[in-house]
């Protein structure tokens, strides 16, 4: 046993060595709890199932079968067998009643392709030509600037044209 005052560093060391006691009136566990090692997750990512698409013939076949269901519960059995929801039947019936057989064919999802007008094509062509000519003009101006500097360094007087000078 220690005699004398306990410093802060000694106190925490002493506190760590003291075995934990349960609260009065509670049973002490017979054995310590076992830690079960965690199983690492499976790195394999399941693939997303492809969206089901029904042709017009399949939709019409299912609609005929659904219309033929007269016994109570037979329509639900048909929907379970085909893996469909009642909303599918409602949508397909509405399309069939509107007389749009082409609406029953599966349609591509997402953005619709944009139709380019001839004016847009001409605009794109003129824009590219403008960029090309601007690059050539910049290059010609650089060449002229270099020629001016070379003539100044060498002391060669520049010939100025009086008839067609743009400067």
Protein backbone atom coordinates (compact mmCIF):
# COMPACT_ATOMS: atom_id res chain seq x y z
CA UNK A 1 0.00 0.00 0.00
CA UNK A 2 1.04 3.55 -0.62
CA UNK A 3 1.44 6.09 2.02
CA UNK A 4 1.32 9.80 1.42
CA UNK A 5 -0.50 11.93 -1.10
CA UNK A 6 -1.26 10.57 -4.57
CA UNK A 7 -0.28 12.83 -7.43
CA UNK A 8 -2.46 13.26 -10.51
CA UNK A 9 -0.31 10.97 -12.64
CA UNK A 10 -0.29 8.29 -9.97
CA UNK A 11 -4.01 8.62 -9.38
CA UNK A 12 -4.94 7.79 -12.93
CA UNK A 13 -2.58 4.81 -12.92
CA UNK A 14 -4.10 3.55 -9.69
CA UNK A 15 -7.61 4.04 -11.03
CA UNK A 16 -6.82 1.94 -14.06
CA UNK A 17 -5.61 -0.96 -11.97
CA UNK A 18 -8.71 -1.15 -9.81
CA UNK A 19 -11.03 -3.89 -11.09
CA UNK A 20 -14.48 -2.74 -12.07
CA UNK A 21 -17.19 -3.64 -9.56
CA UNK A 22 -20.83 -4.00 -10.49
CA UNK A 23 -23.42 -1.84 -8.83
CA UNK A 24 -24.74 -3.21 -5.58
CA UNK A 25 -27.63 -5.57 -6.16
CA UNK A 26 -26.66 -6.50 -9.73
CA UNK A 27 -25.34 -9.87 -10.73
CA UNK A 28 -21.80 -10.10 -11.93
CA UNK A 29 -21.40 -11.79 -15.33
CA UNK A 30 -19.88 -15.25 -15.06
CA UNK A 31 -17.55 -14.80 -18.02
CA UNK A 32 -16.53 -11.80 -20.09
CA UNK A 33 -18.40 -11.09 -23.29
CA UNK A 34 -16.81 -12.58 -26.35
CA UNK A 35 -16.09 -10.34 -29.29
CA UNK A 36 -17.13 -11.92 -32.56
CA UNK A 37 -14.87 -10.82 -35.40
CA UNK A 38 -16.73 -8.89 -38.07
CA UNK A 39 -17.05 -10.55 -41.44
CA UNK A 40 -15.71 -8.26 -44.17
CA UNK A 41 -18.33 -7.17 -46.70
CA UNK A 42 -18.43 -8.84 -50.07
CA UNK A 43 -16.67 -6.54 -52.57
CA UNK A 44 -18.76 -7.94 -55.41
CA UNK A 45 -21.32 -5.33 -56.41
CA UNK A 46 -24.51 -6.87 -57.76
CA UNK A 47 -25.36 -5.74 -61.25
CA UNK A 48 -28.43 -3.63 -61.73
CA UNK A 49 -31.13 -5.64 -63.49
CA UNK A 50 -32.07 -4.45 -66.95
CA UNK A 51 -35.37 -2.63 -67.30
CA UNK A 52 -38.03 -4.91 -68.75
CA UNK A 53 -39.47 -3.89 -72.09
CA UNK A 54 -42.60 -5.36 -73.58
CA UNK A 55 -43.35 -5.42 -77.28
CA UNK A 56 -46.77 -4.37 -78.55
CA UNK A 57 -47.67 -8.03 -79.17
CA UNK A 58 -46.78 -8.99 -75.58
CA UNK A 59 -48.80 -6.09 -74.19
CA UNK A 60 -51.83 -7.00 -76.28
CA UNK A 61 -51.53 -10.68 -75.25
CA UNK A 62 -51.44 -9.73 -71.56
CA UNK A 63 -54.36 -7.33 -72.02
CA UNK A 64 -56.43 -10.09 -73.68
CA UNK A 65 -55.63 -12.44 -70.78
CA UNK A 66 -56.51 -9.72 -68.26
CA UNK A 67 -59.81 -8.99 -70.00
CA UNK A 68 -60.65 -12.71 -69.94
CA UNK A 69 -60.20 -12.89 -66.15
CA UNK A 70 -63.68 -13.16 -64.64
CA UNK A 71 -63.12 -15.22 -61.49
CA UNK A 72 -62.27 -13.29 -58.34
CA UNK A 73 -58.51 -13.35 -57.75
CA UNK A 74 -57.60 -14.52 -61.23
CA UNK A 75 -56.44 -11.05 -62.30
CA UNK A 76 -54.10 -10.84 -59.30
CA UNK A 77 -52.73 -14.28 -60.12
CA UNK A 78 -52.10 -13.18 -63.70
CA UNK A 79 -50.29 -10.04 -62.54
CA UNK A 80 -48.12 -12.05 -60.14
CA UNK A 81 -47.35 -14.63 -62.84
CA UNK A 82 -46.31 -11.95 -65.35
CA UNK A 83 -44.55 -9.83 -62.72
CA UNK A 84 -46.64 -6.73 -63.43
CA UNK A 85 -48.49 -4.05 -61.50
CA UNK A 86 -52.09 -3.03 -62.06
CA UNK A 87 -50.82 0.39 -63.13
CA UNK A 88 -49.14 -1.28 -66.12
CA UNK A 89 -52.50 -2.67 -67.23
CA UNK A 90 -54.19 0.70 -66.73
CA UNK A 91 -51.59 2.49 -68.85
CA UNK A 92 -51.66 -0.14 -71.59
CA UNK A 93 -55.47 -0.13 -71.71
CA UNK A 94 -55.52 3.64 -72.01
CA UNK A 95 -53.04 3.46 -74.89
CA UNK A 96 -55.00 0.66 -76.57
CA UNK A 97 -58.31 2.54 -76.25
CA UNK A 98 -56.73 5.66 -77.73
CA UNK A 99 -55.96 3.56 -80.80
CA UNK A 100 -52.25 4.12 -80.68
CA UNK A 101 -50.72 0.75 -81.29
CA UNK A 102 -47.38 2.45 -81.82
CA UNK A 103 -47.69 3.81 -78.28
CA UNK A 104 -47.62 0.23 -77.03
CA UNK A 105 -44.14 -0.36 -78.43
CA UNK A 106 -41.31 0.24 -75.97
CA UNK A 107 -39.79 3.68 -76.33
CA UNK A 108 -36.26 4.75 -75.65
CA UNK A 109 -35.92 6.52 -72.34
CA UNK A 110 -33.94 9.72 -71.83
CA UNK A 111 -33.42 12.82 -73.88
CA UNK A 112 -34.80 12.92 -77.35
CA UNK A 113 -32.28 13.60 -80.11
CA UNK A 114 -32.35 17.20 -81.25
CA UNK A 115 -33.10 17.89 -84.89
CA UNK A 116 -30.58 20.33 -86.31
CA UNK A 117 -31.91 22.95 -88.65
CA UNK A 118 -30.03 23.94 -91.83
CA UNK A 119 -29.51 27.41 -90.34
CA UNK A 120 -27.76 25.91 -87.33
CA UNK A 121 -25.47 23.90 -89.61
CA UNK A 122 -24.65 27.01 -91.66
CA UNK A 123 -24.05 28.98 -88.46
CA UNK A 124 -21.63 26.32 -87.22
CA UNK A 125 -19.78 26.32 -90.56
CA UNK A 126 -19.46 30.12 -90.57
CA UNK A 127 -18.30 30.12 -86.94
CA UNK A 128 -15.52 27.62 -87.75
CA UNK A 129 -14.47 29.63 -90.82
CA UNK A 130 -14.39 32.81 -88.72
CA UNK A 131 -12.14 31.11 -86.13
CA UNK A 132 -9.80 29.89 -88.89
CA UNK A 133 -9.53 33.34 -90.47
CA UNK A 134 -8.97 34.98 -87.09
CA UNK A 135 -6.06 32.60 -86.42
CA UNK A 136 -4.54 33.42 -89.84
CA UNK A 137 -4.93 37.16 -89.19
CA UNK A 138 -3.18 36.85 -85.81
CA UNK A 139 -0.34 34.93 -87.44
CA UNK A 140 0.02 37.53 -90.23
CA UNK A 141 0.10 40.37 -87.67
CA UNK A 142 2.84 38.58 -85.72
CA UNK A 143 4.90 38.16 -88.89
CA UNK A 144 4.51 41.85 -89.75
CA UNK A 145 5.55 42.88 -86.21
CA UNK A 146 8.65 40.68 -86.43
CA UNK A 147 9.54 42.18 -89.84
CA UNK A 148 9.21 45.71 -88.40
CA UNK A 149 11.49 44.90 -85.47
CA UNK A 150 14.08 43.26 -87.73
CA UNK A 151 14.09 46.30 -90.03
CA UNK A 152 14.53 48.64 -87.05
CA UNK A 153 17.42 46.57 -85.69
CA UNK A 154 19.16 46.41 -89.06
CA UNK A 155 18.34 50.03 -89.87
CA UNK A 156 16.49 49.24 -93.07
CA UNK A 157 13.84 51.84 -93.86
CA UNK A 158 10.36 50.43 -94.36
CA UNK A 159 8.73 50.98 -97.71
CA UNK A 160 5.36 52.63 -97.16
CA UNK A 161 2.74 52.25 -99.80
CA UNK A 162 0.79 55.44 -100.32
CA UNK A 163 -2.03 53.98 -102.37
CA UNK A 164 -3.37 51.10 -100.24
CA UNK A 165 -2.07 51.66 -96.70
CA UNK A 166 -4.54 50.70 -94.03
CA UNK A 167 -2.58 52.21 -91.11
